[in-house]
C-alpha atoms as a PDB file:
ATOM      1  CA  UNK A   1       0.000   0.000   0.000  1.00  0.00           C
ATOM      2  CA  UNK A   2       2.913   2.349   0.751  1.00  0.00           C
ATOM      3  CA  UNK A   3       4.289   1.779  -2.757  1.00  0.00           C
ATOM      4  CA  UNK A   4       1.005   2.801  -4.318  1.00  0.00           C
ATOM      5  CA  UNK A   5       0.952   5.978  -2.247  1.00  0.00           C
ATOM      6  CA  UNK A   6       4.591   6.722  -3.181  1.00  0.00           C
ATOM      7  CA  UNK A   7       3.871   6.118  -6.866  1.00  0.00           C
ATOM      8  CA  UNK A   8       0.819   8.327  -6.645  1.00  0.00           C
ATOM      9  CA  UNK A   9       2.817  11.133  -4.984  1.00  0.00           C
ATOM     10  CA  UNK A  10       5.598  10.803  -7.571  1.00  0.00           C
ATOM     11  CA  UNK A  11       3.023  10.845 -10.397  1.00  0.00           C
ATOM     12  CA  UNK A  12       1.442  14.012  -8.965  1.00  0.00           C
ATOM     13  CA  UNK A  13       4.868  15.674  -8.690  1.00  0.00           C
ATOM     14  CA  UNK A  14       5.753  14.715 -12.272  1.00  0.00           C
ATOM     15  CA  UNK A  15       2.386  15.948 -13.570  1.00  0.00           C
ATOM     16  CA  UNK A  16       2.927  19.170 -11.611  1.00  0.00           C
ATOM     17  CA  UNK A  17       6.254  19.681 -13.388  1.00  0.00           C
ATOM     18  CA  UNK A  18       4.670  18.938 -16.752  1.00  0.00           C
ATOM     19  CA  UNK A  19       1.744  21.282 -16.153  1.00  0.00           C
ATOM     20  CA  UNK A  20       3.791  23.976 -14.424  1.00  0.00           C
ATOM     21  CA  UNK A  21       7.043  24.036 -16.362  1.00  0.00           C
ATOM     22  CA  UNK A  22       6.957  22.142 -19.642  1.00  0.00           C
ATOM     23  CA  UNK A  23       3.621  23.363 -21.001  1.00  0.00           C
ATOM     24  CA  UNK A  24       4.451  27.086 -20.482  1.00  0.00           C
ATOM     25  CA  UNK A  25       7.864  26.504 -22.079  1.00  0.00           C
ATOM     26  CA  UNK A  26       6.183  24.930 -25.086  1.00  0.00           C
ATOM     27  CA  UNK A  27       3.663  27.762 -25.229  1.00  0.00           C
ATOM     28  CA  UNK A  28       6.424  30.401 -25.095  1.00  0.00           C
ATOM     29  CA  UNK A  29       8.317  28.550 -27.840  1.00  0.00           C
ATOM     30  CA  UNK A  30       5.221  28.671 -30.015  1.00  0.00           C
ATOM     31  CA  UNK A  31       4.902  32.417 -29.309  1.00  0.00           C
ATOM     32  CA  UNK A  32       8.531  32.947 -30.345  1.00  0.00           C
ATOM     33  CA  UNK A  33       7.989  30.991 -33.580  1.00  0.00           C
ATOM     34  CA  UNK A  34       4.836  33.008 -34.293  1.00  0.00           C
ATOM     35  CA  UNK A  35       6.706  36.295 -33.746  1.00  0.00           C
ATOM     36  CA  UNK A  36       9.516  35.216 -36.074  1.00  0.00           C
ATOM     37  CA  UNK A  37       7.022  34.192 -38.764  1.00  0.00           C
ATOM     38  CA  UNK A  38       5.231  37.534 -38.399  1.00  0.00           C
ATOM     39  CA  UNK A  39       8.518  39.457 -38.763  1.00  0.00           C
ATOM     40  CA  UNK A  40       9.420  37.433 -41.880  1.00  0.00           C
ATOM     41  CA  UNK A  41       6.010  38.220 -43.387  1.00  0.00           C
ATOM     42  CA  UNK A  42       6.508  41.933 -42.663  1.00  0.00           C
ATOM     43  CA  UNK A  43       9.976  41.806 -44.246  1.00  0.00           C
ATOM     44  CA  UNK A  44       8.506  40.208 -47.384  1.00  0.00           C
ATOM     45  CA  UNK A  45       5.912  42.992 -47.577  1.00  0.00           C
ATOM     46  CA  UNK A  46       8.612  45.622 -47.147  1.00  0.00           C
ATOM     47  CA  UNK A  47      10.752  43.969 -49.827  1.00  0.00           C
ATOM     48  CA  UNK A  48       7.981  43.909 -52.402  1.00  0.00           C
ATOM     49  CA  UNK A  49       6.521  47.317 -51.509  1.00  0.00           C
ATOM     50  CA  UNK A  50       9.727  49.313 -51.136  1.00  0.00           C
ATOM     51  CA  UNK A  51      12.348  47.634 -53.288  1.00  0.00           C
ATOM     52  CA  UNK A  52      10.254  46.950 -56.378  1.00  0.00           C
ATOM     53  CA  UNK A  53       9.408  49.937 -58.588  1.00  0.00           C
ATOM     54  CA  UNK A  54       5.683  49.151 -58.869  1.00  0.00           C
ATOM     55  CA  UNK A  55       4.487  52.683 -58.169  1.00  0.00           C
ATOM     56  CA  UNK A  56       6.522  54.423 -60.870  1.00  0.00           C
ATOM     57  CA  UNK A  57       5.358  55.212 -64.395  1.00  0.00           C
ATOM     58  CA  UNK A  58       8.903  55.238 -65.818  1.00  0.00           C
ATOM     59  CA  UNK A  59      11.655  52.836 -64.779  1.00  0.00           C
ATOM     60  CA  UNK A  60      15.149  51.829 -65.890  1.00  0.00           C
ATOM     61  CA  UNK A  61      16.241  48.526 -67.375  1.00  0.00           C
ATOM     62  CA  UNK A  62      17.794  47.621 -64.028  1.00  0.00           C
ATOM     63  CA  UNK A  63      14.384  47.991 -62.378  1.00  0.00           C
ATOM     64  CA  UNK A  64      12.821  45.759 -65.040  1.00  0.00           C
ATOM     65  CA  UNK A  65      15.451  43.064 -64.492  1.00  0.00           C
ATOM     66  CA  UNK A  66      14.894  43.184 -60.715  1.00  0.00           C
ATOM     67  CA  UNK A  67      11.121  42.739 -61.175  1.00  0.00           C
ATOM     68  CA  UNK A  68      11.746  39.752 -63.496  1.00  0.00           C
ATOM     69  CA  UNK A  69      14.087  38.166 -60.961  1.00  0.00           C
ATOM     70  CA  UNK A  70      11.771  38.843 -58.019  1.00  0.00           C
ATOM     71  CA  UNK A  71       8.746  37.205 -59.678  1.00  0.00           C
ATOM     72  CA  UNK A  72      10.614  34.354 -61.424  1.00  0.00           C
ATOM     73  CA  UNK A  73       9.139  31.732 -59.076  1.00  0.00           C
ATOM     74  CA  UNK A  74       5.607  33.165 -59.044  1.00  0.00           C
ATOM     75  CA  UNK A  75       3.623  31.575 -61.883  1.00  0.00           C
ATOM     76  CA  UNK A  76       0.712  33.967 -61.396  1.00  0.00           C
ATOM     77  CA  UNK A  77       2.765  37.032 -62.425  1.00  0.00           C
ATOM     78  CA  UNK A  78       3.632  37.799 -66.050  1.00  0.00           C
ATOM     79  CA  UNK A  79       6.334  40.326 -66.940  1.00  0.00           C
ATOM     80  CA  UNK A  80       6.152  41.602 -70.527  1.00  0.00           C
ATOM     81  CA  UNK A  81       9.114  43.577 -71.889  1.00  0.00           C
ATOM     82  CA  UNK A  82       9.089  45.326 -75.287  1.00  0.00           C
ATOM     83  CA  UNK A  83      12.475  46.547 -76.430  1.00  0.00           C
ATOM     84  CA  UNK A  84      13.363  47.580 -79.995  1.00  0.00           C
ATOM     85  CA  UNK A  85      10.069  46.229 -81.362  1.00  0.00           C
ATOM     86  CA  UNK A  86      10.704  42.779 -79.858  1.00  0.00           C
ATOM     87  CA  UNK A  87       8.515  41.532 -77.000  1.00  0.00           C
ATOM     88  CA  UNK A  88       9.685  38.980 -74.452  1.00  0.00           C
ATOM     89  CA  UNK A  89       7.262  37.519 -71.910  1.00  0.00           C
ATOM     90  CA  UNK A  90       8.574  36.162 -68.610  1.00  0.00           C
ATOM     91  CA  UNK A  91       6.383  33.701 -66.707  1.00  0.00           C
ATOM     92  CA  UNK A  92       8.171  31.554 -64.140  1.00  0.00           C
ATOM     93  CA  UNK A  93      11.381  32.394 -66.011  1.00  0.00           C
ATOM     94  CA  UNK A  94      14.600  34.130 -64.966  1.00  0.00           C
ATOM     95  CA  UNK A  95      16.325  36.928 -66.846  1.00  0.00           C
ATOM     96  CA  UNK A  96      18.948  35.546 -69.228  1.00  0.00           C
ATOM     97  CA  UNK A  97      20.961  38.221 -71.087  1.00  0.00           C
ATOM     98  CA  UNK A  98      22.095  35.628 -73.642  1.00  0.00           C
ATOM     99  CA  UNK A  99      18.482  35.253 -74.849  1.00  0.00           C
ATOM    100  CA  UNK A 100      17.178  38.821 -74.501  1.00  0.00           C
ATOM    101  CA  UNK A 101      19.370  41.761 -73.463  1.00  0.00           C
ATOM    102  CA  UNK A 102      17.826  44.489 -71.316  1.00  0.00           C
ATOM    103  CA  UNK A 103      20.354  47.345 -70.944  1.00  0.00           C
ATOM    104  CA  UNK A 104      20.322  48.661 -67.380  1.00  0.00           C
ATOM    105  CA  UNK A 105      20.288  52.332 -68.353  1.00  0.00           C
ATOM    106  CA  UNK A 106      17.413  52.326 -70.891  1.00  0.00           C
ATOM    107  CA  UNK A 107      14.142  53.931 -69.722  1.00  0.00           C
ATOM    108  CA  UNK A 108      10.805  52.093 -69.935  1.00  0.00           C
ATOM    109  CA  UNK A 109       7.195  53.210 -69.672  1.00  0.00           C
ATOM    110  CA  UNK A 110       5.371  50.781 -67.435  1.00  0.00           C
ATOM    111  CA  UNK A 111       1.871  49.727 -66.534  1.00  0.00           C
ATOM    112  CA  UNK A 112       0.565  47.107 -64.134  1.00  0.00           C
ATOM    113  CA  UNK A 113      -2.483  44.865 -63.931  1.00  0.00           C
ATOM    114  CA  UNK A 114      -3.802  43.722 -60.566  1.00  0.00           C
ATOM    115  CA  UNK A 115      -6.313  41.203 -59.296  1.00  0.00           C
ATOM    116  CA  UNK A 116      -7.328  42.950 -56.090  1.00  0.00           C
ATOM    117  CA  UNK A 117      -4.010  43.713 -54.360  1.00  0.00           C
ATOM    118  CA  UNK A 118      -2.128  40.947 -56.210  1.00  0.00           C
ATOM    119  CA  UNK A 119       0.035  41.877 -59.179  1.00  0.00           C
ATOM    120  CA  UNK A 120      -0.795  39.728 -62.206  1.00  0.00           C
ATOM    121  CA  UNK A 121       1.020  41.487 -65.058  1.00  0.00           C
ATOM    122  CA  UNK A 122       3.801  44.049 -65.405  1.00  0.00           C
ATOM    123  CA  UNK A 123       4.182  45.632 -68.853  1.00  0.00           C
ATOM    124  CA  UNK A 124       7.365  47.496 -69.797  1.00  0.00           C
ATOM    125  CA  UNK A 125       7.700  49.298 -73.151  1.00  0.00           C
ATOM    126  CA  UNK A 126      10.898  51.034 -74.228  1.00  0.00           C
ATOM    127  CA  UNK A 127      10.543  54.784 -73.932  1.00  0.00           C
ATOM    128  CA  UNK A 128      11.056  56.608 -77.231  1.00  0.00           C
END
């Protein structure tokens, strides 16, 4: 009978540690992970809102190349570049200067198509 009482006391102590120490540690770890994920999401928003020239009406070739590279893995975004009468469309494709050269200093007129807040198409036409 004493062993049962000892086992019961030990089980209560162990459950007390689990409920008092381990569960709050797990909960705080989950809060830390949530905060990190939130910061990463905010950084992604800053990157796309500040670094990409999506609010300008005229951009340089360097800006066009950076938009192509940023959206290369996003199949829902199309980047259309017209340079010297030739049009190249980038969908899930990276900029390759061996196929189509975009000089970094040339100016482009640009327009954008959105589906709500989501960019679907960026159109760049060489400025005359």
